[in-house]
Amino acid sequence: MADEQTFEILLSEFRRVGVDPDTFSAMLALRPEEALRALRALADGAGPSAFLAQLRKNGTVIAGAPTDDARKNRLIRPRDKSA
């Protein structure tokens, strides 16, 4: 598939699912086929959280996204909301 055609298909799938690719920085680390596989498994309007969950379910590593191990080991701490 040509790069331009792949890009257009990805954009239409993102719109269908309700993910704004302009604000989704994890996309920089995804291969197009991984993104398409996850997007096509989702219902219309599923949203960004469902997209991330589907990527994780497919075993896709998302750069910069906290892992379950990091959360369990408290390597990533919740923000202090008292400030």
PDB file of N, CA and C in Angstrom:
ATOM      1  N   MET A   1       0.855  -1.174   0.000  1.00  0.00           N
ATOM      2  CA  MET A   1       0.000   0.000   0.000  1.00  0.00           C
ATOM      3  C   MET A   1       0.904   1.241   0.000  1.00  0.00           C
ATOM      4  N   ALA A   2       0.614   2.203  -0.815  1.00  0.00           N
ATOM      5  CA  ALA A   2       1.403   3.425  -0.891  1.00  0.00           C
ATOM      6  C   ALA A   2       1.283   4.209   0.404  1.00  0.00           C
ATOM      7  N   ASP A   3       2.367   4.918   0.752  1.00  0.00           N
ATOM      8  CA  ASP A   3       2.383   5.678   2.004  1.00  0.00           C
ATOM      9  C   ASP A   3       1.236   6.676   2.103  1.00  0.00           C
ATOM     10  N   GLU A   4       0.945   7.381   1.021  1.00  0.00           N
ATOM     11  CA  GLU A   4      -0.135   8.374   1.043  1.00  0.00           C
ATOM     12  C   GLU A   4      -1.490   7.705   1.259  1.00  0.00           C
ATOM     13  N   GLN A   5      -1.694   6.575   0.620  1.00  0.00           N
ATOM     14  CA  GLN A   5      -2.946   5.838   0.789  1.00  0.00           C
ATOM     15  C   GLN A   5      -3.068   5.316   2.221  1.00  0.00           C
ATOM     16  N   THR A   6      -1.984   4.781   2.767  1.00  0.00           N
ATOM     17  CA  THR A   6      -1.976   4.296   4.147  1.00  0.00           C
ATOM     18  C   THR A   6      -2.309   5.426   5.107  1.00  0.00           C
ATOM     19  N   PHE A   7      -1.709   6.588   4.880  1.00  0.00           N
ATOM     20  CA  PHE A   7      -1.956   7.751   5.732  1.00  0.00           C
ATOM     21  C   PHE A   7      -3.428   8.149   5.692  1.00  0.00           C
ATOM     22  N   GLU A   8      -4.022   8.174   4.516  1.00  0.00           N
ATOM     23  CA  GLU A   8      -5.435   8.547   4.383  1.00  0.00           C
ATOM     24  C   GLU A   8      -6.345   7.539   5.086  1.00  0.00           C
ATOM     25  N   ILE A   9      -6.024   6.265   4.968  1.00  0.00           N
ATOM     26  CA  ILE A   9      -6.818   5.227   5.646  1.00  0.00           C
ATOM     27  C   ILE A   9      -6.704   5.390   7.158  1.00  0.00           C
ATOM     28  N   LEU A  10      -5.485   5.625   7.648  1.00  0.00           N
ATOM     29  CA  LEU A  10      -5.294   5.842   9.090  1.00  0.00           C
ATOM     30  C   LEU A  10      -6.102   7.035   9.572  1.00  0.00           C
ATOM     31  N   LEU A  11      -6.037   8.141   8.855  1.00  0.00           N
ATOM     32  CA  LEU A  11      -6.792   9.335   9.260  1.00  0.00           C
ATOM     33  C   LEU A  11      -8.290   9.065   9.322  1.00  0.00           C
ATOM     34  N   SER A  12      -8.809   8.352   8.320  1.00  0.00           N
ATOM     35  CA  SER A  12     -10.255   8.087   8.336  1.00  0.00           C
ATOM     36  C   SER A  12     -10.633   7.158   9.493  1.00  0.00           C
ATOM     37  N   GLU A  13      -9.777   6.190   9.817  1.00  0.00           N
ATOM     38  CA  GLU A  13     -10.045   5.304  10.953  1.00  0.00           C
ATOM     39  C   GLU A  13      -9.962   6.067  12.278  1.00  0.00           C
ATOM     40  N   PHE A  14      -8.983   6.954  12.404  1.00  0.00           N
ATOM     41  CA  PHE A  14      -8.891   7.766  13.622  1.00  0.00           C
ATOM     42  C   PHE A  14     -10.149   8.600  13.808  1.00  0.00           C
ATOM     43  N   ARG A  15     -10.609   9.212  12.743  1.00  0.00           N
ATOM     44  CA  ARG A  15     -11.829  10.032  12.833  1.00  0.00           C
ATOM     45  C   ARG A  15     -13.028   9.168  13.222  1.00  0.00           C
ATOM     46  N   ARG A  16     -13.136   7.998  12.612  1.00  0.00           N
ATOM     47  CA  ARG A  16     -14.264   7.107  12.893  1.00  0.00           C
ATOM     48  C   ARG A  16     -14.302   6.701  14.363  1.00  0.00           C
ATOM     49  N   VAL A  17     -13.127   6.415  14.909  1.00  0.00           N
ATOM     50  CA  VAL A  17     -13.045   5.945  16.290  1.00  0.00           C
ATOM     51  C   VAL A  17     -13.105   7.108  17.285  1.00  0.00           C
ATOM     52  N   GLY A  18     -12.777   8.312  16.823  1.00  0.00           N
ATOM     53  CA  GLY A  18     -12.833   9.472  17.717  1.00  0.00           C
ATOM     54  C   GLY A  18     -11.505   9.790  18.370  1.00  0.00           C
ATOM     55  N   VAL A  19     -10.408   9.497  17.667  1.00  0.00           N
ATOM     56  CA  VAL A  19      -9.071   9.794  18.172  1.00  0.00           C
ATOM     57  C   VAL A  19      -8.495  10.914  17.311  1.00  0.00           C
ATOM     58  N   ASP A  20      -8.016  11.974  17.953  1.00  0.00           N
ATOM     59  CA  ASP A  20      -7.404  13.086  17.226  1.00  0.00           C
ATOM     60  C   ASP A  20      -5.918  12.798  17.057  1.00  0.00           C
ATOM     61  N   PRO A  21      -5.478  12.422  15.852  1.00  0.00           N
ATOM     62  CA  PRO A  21      -4.068  12.061  15.655  1.00  0.00           C
ATOM     63  C   PRO A  21      -3.119  13.229  15.870  1.00  0.00           C
ATOM     64  N   ASP A  22      -3.610  14.456  15.791  1.00  0.00           N
ATOM     65  CA  ASP A  22      -2.758  15.629  16.005  1.00  0.00           C
ATOM     66  C   ASP A  22      -2.344  15.781  17.463  1.00  0.00           C
ATOM     67  N   THR A  23      -3.116  15.225  18.367  1.00  0.00           N
ATOM     68  CA  THR A  23      -2.804  15.353  19.791  1.00  0.00           C
ATOM     69  C   THR A  23      -2.399  14.025  20.409  1.00  0.00           C
ATOM     70  N   PHE A  24      -2.198  13.028  19.595  1.00  0.00           N
ATOM     71  CA  PHE A  24      -1.900  11.695  20.097  1.00  0.00           C
ATOM     72  C   PHE A  24      -0.425  11.388  19.846  1.00  0.00           C
ATOM     73  N   SER A  25       0.429  11.767  20.781  1.00  0.00           N
ATOM     74  CA  SER A  25       1.872  11.658  20.585  1.00  0.00           C
ATOM     75  C   SER A  25       2.372  10.223  20.493  1.00  0.00           C
ATOM     76  N   ALA A  26       1.658   9.262  21.052  1.00  0.00           N
ATOM     77  CA  ALA A  26       2.096   7.866  20.982  1.00  0.00           C
ATOM     78  C   ALA A  26       2.121   7.360  19.539  1.00  0.00           C
ATOM     79  N   MET A  27       1.398   8.023  18.659  1.00  0.00           N
ATOM     80  CA  MET A  27       1.368   7.611  17.262  1.00  0.00           C
ATOM     81  C   MET A  27       2.745   7.671  16.621  1.00  0.00           C
ATOM     82  N   LEU A  28       3.606   8.500  17.133  1.00  0.00           N
ATOM     83  CA  LEU A  28       4.934   8.627  16.559  1.00  0.00           C
ATOM     84  C   LEU A  28       5.715   7.321  16.635  1.00  0.00           C
ATOM     85  N   ALA A  29       5.394   6.487  17.598  1.00  0.00           N
ATOM     86  CA  ALA A  29       6.133   5.244  17.804  1.00  0.00           C
ATOM     87  C   ALA A  29       5.427   4.018  17.222  1.00  0.00           C
ATOM     88  N   LEU A  30       4.274   4.184  16.630  1.00  0.00           N
ATOM     89  CA  LEU A  30       3.513   3.043  16.119  1.00  0.00           C
ATOM     90  C   LEU A  30       3.778   2.795  14.642  1.00  0.00           C
ATOM     91  N   ARG A  31       3.793   1.525  14.296  1.00  0.00           N
ATOM     92  CA  ARG A  31       3.820   1.184  12.882  1.00  0.00           C
ATOM     93  C   ARG A  31       2.386   1.289  12.366  1.00  0.00           C
ATOM     94  N   PRO A  32       2.217   1.724  11.124  1.00  0.00           N
ATOM     95  CA  PRO A  32       0.851   1.885  10.580  1.00  0.00           C
ATOM     96  C   PRO A  32      -0.001   0.632  10.704  1.00  0.00           C
ATOM     97  N   GLU A  33       0.595  -0.542  10.478  1.00  0.00           N
ATOM     98  CA  GLU A  33      -0.204  -1.777  10.542  1.00  0.00           C
ATOM     99  C   GLU A  33      -0.672  -2.079  11.960  1.00  0.00           C
ATOM    100  N   GLU A  34       0.115  -1.695  12.980  1.00  0.00           N
ATOM    101  CA  GLU A  34      -0.310  -1.880  14.374  1.00  0.00           C
ATOM    102  C   GLU A  34      -1.490  -0.967  14.687  1.00  0.00           C
ATOM    103  N   ALA A  35      -1.382   0.279  14.261  1.00  0.00           N
ATOM    104  CA  ALA A  35      -2.459   1.240  14.501  1.00  0.00           C
ATOM    105  C   ALA A  35      -3.741   0.804  13.801  1.00  0.00           C
ATOM    106  N   LEU A  36      -3.630   0.385  12.531  1.00  0.00           N
ATOM    107  CA  LEU A  36      -4.816  -0.045  11.787  1.00  0.00           C
ATOM    108  C   LEU A  36      -5.472  -1.268  12.417  1.00  0.00           C
ATOM    109  N   ARG A  37      -4.669  -2.214  12.861  1.00  0.00           N
ATOM    110  CA  ARG A  37      -5.219  -3.415  13.501  1.00  0.00           C
ATOM    111  C   ARG A  37      -6.049  -3.034  14.726  1.00  0.00           C
ATOM    112  N   ALA A  38      -5.502  -2.134  15.539  1.00  0.00           N
ATOM    113  CA  ALA A  38      -6.207  -1.708  16.751  1.00  0.00           C
ATOM    114  C   ALA A  38      -7.453  -0.902  16.407  1.00  0.00           C
ATOM    115  N   LEU A  39      -7.333   0.026  15.474  1.00  0.00           N
ATOM    116  CA  LEU A  39      -8.468   0.877  15.108  1.00  0.00           C
ATOM    117  C   LEU A  39      -9.619   0.070  14.527  1.00  0.00           C
ATOM    118  N   ARG A  40      -9.306  -0.876  13.679  1.00  0.00           N
ATOM    119  CA  ARG A  40     -10.358  -1.662  13.022  1.00  0.00           C
ATOM    120  C   ARG A  40     -11.097  -2.585  13.977  1.00  0.00           C
ATOM    121  N   ALA A  41     -10.523  -2.832  15.129  1.00  0.00           N
ATOM    122  CA  ALA A  41     -11.179  -3.678  16.133  1.00  0.00           C
ATOM    123  C   ALA A  41     -12.158  -2.888  16.993  1.00  0.00           C
ATOM    124  N   LEU A  42     -12.186  -1.565  16.822  1.00  0.00           N
ATOM    125  CA  LEU A  42     -12.994  -0.707  17.698  1.00  0.00           C
ATOM    126  C   LEU A  42     -14.281  -0.246  17.026  1.00  0.00           C
ATOM    127  N   ALA A  43     -15.265   0.045  17.863  1.00  0.00           N
ATOM    128  CA  ALA A  43     -16.540   0.578  17.395  1.00  0.00           C
ATOM    129  C   ALA A  43     -16.401   2.061  17.076  1.00  0.00           C
ATOM    130  N   ASP A  44     -17.310   2.572  16.290  1.00  0.00           N
ATOM    131  CA  ASP A  44     -17.348   4.001  15.997  1.00  0.00           C
ATOM    132  C   ASP A  44     -17.422   4.784  17.303  1.00  0.00           C
ATOM    133  N   GLY A  45     -16.624   5.850  17.405  1.00  0.00           N
ATOM    134  CA  GLY A  45     -16.666   6.721  18.566  1.00  0.00           C
ATOM    135  C   GLY A  45     -16.091   6.132  19.840  1.00  0.00           C
ATOM    136  N   ALA A  46     -15.335   5.060  19.756  1.00  0.00           N
ATOM    137  CA  ALA A  46     -14.803   4.394  20.952  1.00  0.00           C
ATOM    138  C   ALA A  46     -13.873   5.291  21.766  1.00  0.00           C
ATOM    139  N   GLY A  47     -13.129   6.162  21.118  1.00  0.00           N
ATOM    140  CA  GLY A  47     -12.298   7.136  21.820  1.00  0.00           C
ATOM    141  C   GLY A  47     -10.868   6.680  22.065  1.00  0.00           C
ATOM    142  N   PRO A  48     -10.042   7.636  22.526  1.00  0.00           N
ATOM    143  CA  PRO A  48      -8.615   7.381  22.725  1.00  0.00           C
ATOM    144  C   PRO A  48      -8.303   6.308  23.763  1.00  0.00           C
ATOM    145  N   SER A  49      -9.065   6.248  24.842  1.00  0.00           N
ATOM    146  CA  SER A  49      -8.804   5.242  25.879  1.00  0.00           C
ATOM    147  C   SER A  49      -8.992   3.834  25.339  1.00  0.00           C
ATOM    148  N   ALA A  50     -10.026   3.647  24.549  1.00  0.00           N
ATOM    149  CA  ALA A  50     -10.279   2.341  23.947  1.00  0.00           C
ATOM    150  C   ALA A  50      -9.178   1.989  22.955  1.00  0.00           C
ATOM    151  N   PHE A  51      -8.683   2.984  22.228  1.00  0.00           N
ATOM    152  CA  PHE A  51      -7.595   2.760  21.285  1.00  0.00           C
ATOM    153  C   PHE A  51      -6.343   2.296  22.022  1.00  0.00           C
ATOM    154  N   LEU A  52      -5.980   2.984  23.097  1.00  0.00           N
ATOM    155  CA  LEU A  52      -4.807   2.578  23.879  1.00  0.00           C
ATOM    156  C   LEU A  52      -4.985   1.180  24.467  1.00  0.00           C
ATOM    157  N   ALA A  53      -6.175   0.907  24.978  1.00  0.00           N
ATOM    158  CA  ALA A  53      -6.445  -0.416  25.547  1.00  0.00           C
ATOM    159  C   ALA A  53      -6.317  -1.501  24.483  1.00  0.00           C
ATOM    160  N   GLN A  54      -6.789  -1.218  23.281  1.00  0.00           N
ATOM    161  CA  GLN A  54      -6.705  -2.198  22.197  1.00  0.00           C
ATOM    162  C   GLN A  54      -5.247  -2.420  21.787  1.00  0.00           C
ATOM    163  N   LEU A  55      -4.455  -1.358  21.763  1.00  0.00           N
ATOM    164  CA  LEU A  55      -3.034  -1.509  21.452  1.00  0.00           C
ATOM    165  C   LEU A  55      -2.362  -2.409  22.482  1.00  0.00           C
ATOM    166  N   ARG A  56      -2.662  -2.173  23.753  1.00  0.00           N
ATOM    167  CA  ARG A  56      -2.082  -3.007  24.814  1.00  0.00           C
ATOM    168  C   ARG A  56      -2.548  -4.454  24.696  1.00  0.00           C
ATOM    169  N   LYS A  57      -3.818  -4.638  24.387  1.00  0.00           N
ATOM    170  CA  LYS A  57      -4.367  -5.986  24.221  1.00  0.00           C
ATOM    171  C   LYS A  57      -3.657  -6.721  23.088  1.00  0.00           C
ATOM    172  N   ASN A  58      -3.302  -5.984  22.037  1.00  0.00           N
ATOM    173  CA  ASN A  58      -2.594  -6.570  20.900  1.00  0.00           C
ATOM    174  C   ASN A  58      -1.110  -6.769  21.187  1.00  0.00           C
ATOM    175  N   GLY A  59      -0.644  -6.322  22.357  1.00  0.00           N
ATOM    176  CA  GLY A  59       0.761  -6.489  22.706  1.00  0.00           C
ATOM    177  C   GLY A  59       1.664  -5.419  22.136  1.00  0.00           C
ATOM    178  N   THR A  60       1.086  -4.314  21.699  1.00  0.00           N
ATOM    179  CA  THR A  60       1.865  -3.223  21.132  1.00  0.00           C
ATOM    180  C   THR A  60       2.453  -2.384  22.257  1.00  0.00           C
ATOM    181  N   VAL A  61       3.743  -2.132  22.180  1.00  0.00           N
ATOM    182  CA  VAL A  61       4.408  -1.287  23.165  1.00  0.00           C
ATOM    183  C   VAL A  61       4.232   0.161  22.729  1.00  0.00           C
ATOM    184  N   ILE A  62       3.753   0.986  23.647  1.00  0.00           N
ATOM    185  CA  ILE A  62       3.490   2.387  23.350  1.00  0.00           C
ATOM    186  C   ILE A  62       4.532   3.231  24.057  1.00  0.00           C
ATOM    187  N   ALA A  63       5.363   3.899  23.309  1.00  0.00           N
ATOM    188  CA  ALA A  63       6.433   4.709  23.891  1.00  0.00           C
ATOM    189  C   ALA A  63       5.854   5.797  24.780  1.00  0.00           C
ATOM    190  N   GLY A  64       6.400   5.905  25.974  1.00  0.00           N
ATOM    191  CA  GLY A  64       5.990   6.966  26.883  1.00  0.00           C
ATOM    192  C   GLY A  64       4.763   6.652  27.722  1.00  0.00           C
ATOM    193  N   ALA A  65       4.067   5.573  27.420  1.00  0.00           N
ATOM    194  CA  ALA A  65       2.876   5.222  28.196  1.00  0.00           C
ATOM    195  C   ALA A  65       3.296   4.403  29.407  1.00  0.00           C
ATOM    196  N   PRO A  66       2.757   4.703  30.586  1.00  0.00           N
ATOM    197  CA  PRO A  66       3.113   3.943  31.782  1.00  0.00           C
ATOM    198  C   PRO A  66       2.662   2.492  31.660  1.00  0.00           C
ATOM    199  N   THR A  67       3.477   1.597  32.151  1.00  0.00           N
ATOM    200  CA  THR A  67       3.127   0.179  32.129  1.00  0.00           C
ATOM    201  C   THR A  67       2.479  -0.208  33.445  1.00  0.00           C
ATOM    202  N   ASP A  68       1.816  -1.350  33.458  1.00  0.00           N
ATOM    203  CA  ASP A  68       1.208  -1.839  34.697  1.00  0.00           C
ATOM    204  C   ASP A  68       2.278  -2.092  35.751  1.00  0.00           C
ATOM    205  N   ASP A  69       3.447  -2.632  35.340  1.00  0.00           N
ATOM    206  CA  ASP A  69       4.530  -2.882  36.289  1.00  0.00           C
ATOM    207  C   ASP A  69       5.005  -1.588  36.937  1.00  0.00           C
ATOM    208  N   ALA A  70       5.123  -0.535  36.150  1.00  0.00           N
ATOM    209  CA  ALA A  70       5.582   0.745  36.691  1.00  0.00           C
ATOM    210  C   ALA A  70       4.577   1.281  37.710  1.00  0.00           C
ATOM    211  N   ARG A  71       3.299   1.117  37.424  1.00  0.00           N
ATOM    212  CA  ARG A  71       2.275   1.576  38.363  1.00  0.00           C
ATOM    213  C   ARG A  71       2.323   0.766  39.652  1.00  0.00           C
ATOM    214  N   LYS A  72       2.449  -0.555  39.522  1.00  0.00           N
ATOM    215  CA  LYS A  72       2.478  -1.427  40.693  1.00  0.00           C
ATOM    216  C   LYS A  72       3.687  -1.159  41.571  1.00  0.00           C
ATOM    217  N   ASN A  73       4.809  -0.885  40.946  1.00  0.00           N
ATOM    218  CA  ASN A  73       6.045  -0.645  41.690  1.00  0.00           C
ATOM    219  C   ASN A  73       6.202   0.818  42.107  1.00  0.00           C
ATOM    220  N   ARG A  74       5.203   1.618  41.822  1.00  0.00           N
ATOM    221  CA  ARG A  74       5.200   3.043  42.174  1.00  0.00           C
ATOM    222  C   ARG A  74       6.378   3.802  41.575  1.00  0.00           C
ATOM    223  N   LEU A  75       6.828   3.335  40.399  1.00  0.00           N
ATOM    224  CA  LEU A  75       7.862   4.077  39.694  1.00  0.00           C
ATOM    225  C   LEU A  75       7.267   5.341  39.092  1.00  0.00           C
ATOM    226  N   ILE A  76       5.984   5.274  38.832  1.00  0.00           N
ATOM    227  CA  ILE A  76       5.278   6.445  38.327  1.00  0.00           C
ATOM    228  C   ILE A  76       4.287   6.836  39.402  1.00  0.00           C
ATOM    229  N   ARG A  77       4.486   7.980  39.948  1.00  0.00           N
ATOM    230  CA  ARG A  77       3.632   8.442  41.050  1.00  0.00           C
ATOM    231  C   ARG A  77       2.508   9.324  40.524  1.00  0.00           C
ATOM    232  N   PRO A  78       1.349   9.245  41.153  1.00  0.00           N
ATOM    233  CA  PRO A  78       0.246  10.132  40.747  1.00  0.00           C
ATOM    234  C   PRO A  78       0.628  11.568  41.073  1.00  0.00           C
ATOM    235  N   ARG A  79       0.114  12.475  40.279  1.00  0.00           N
ATOM    236  CA  ARG A  79       0.364  13.897  40.508  1.00  0.00           C
ATOM    237  C   ARG A  79      -0.249  14.356  41.820  1.00  0.00           C
ATOM    238  N   ASP A  80       0.449  15.238  42.480  1.00  0.00           N
ATOM    239  CA  ASP A  80      -0.081  15.841  43.698  1.00  0.00           C
ATOM    240  C   ASP A  80      -1.049  16.937  43.289  1.00  0.00           C
ATOM    241  N   LYS A  81      -2.313  16.770  43.619  1.00  0.00           N
ATOM    242  CA  LYS A  81      -3.345  17.719  43.210  1.00  0.00           C
ATOM    243  C   LYS A  81      -3.590  18.797  44.254  1.00  0.00           C
ATOM    244  N   SER A  82      -2.767  18.842  45.295  1.00  0.00           N
ATOM    245  CA  SER A  82      -2.992  19.816  46.361  1.00  0.00           C
ATOM    246  C   SER A  82      -2.444  21.192  46.012  1.00  0.00           C
ATOM    247  N   ALA A  83      -1.590  21.266  44.996  1.00  0.00           N
ATOM    248  CA  ALA A  83      -0.979  22.554  44.641  1.00  0.00           C
ATOM    249  C   ALA A  83      -1.905  23.427  43.869  1.00  0.00           C
TER     250      ALA A  83
END
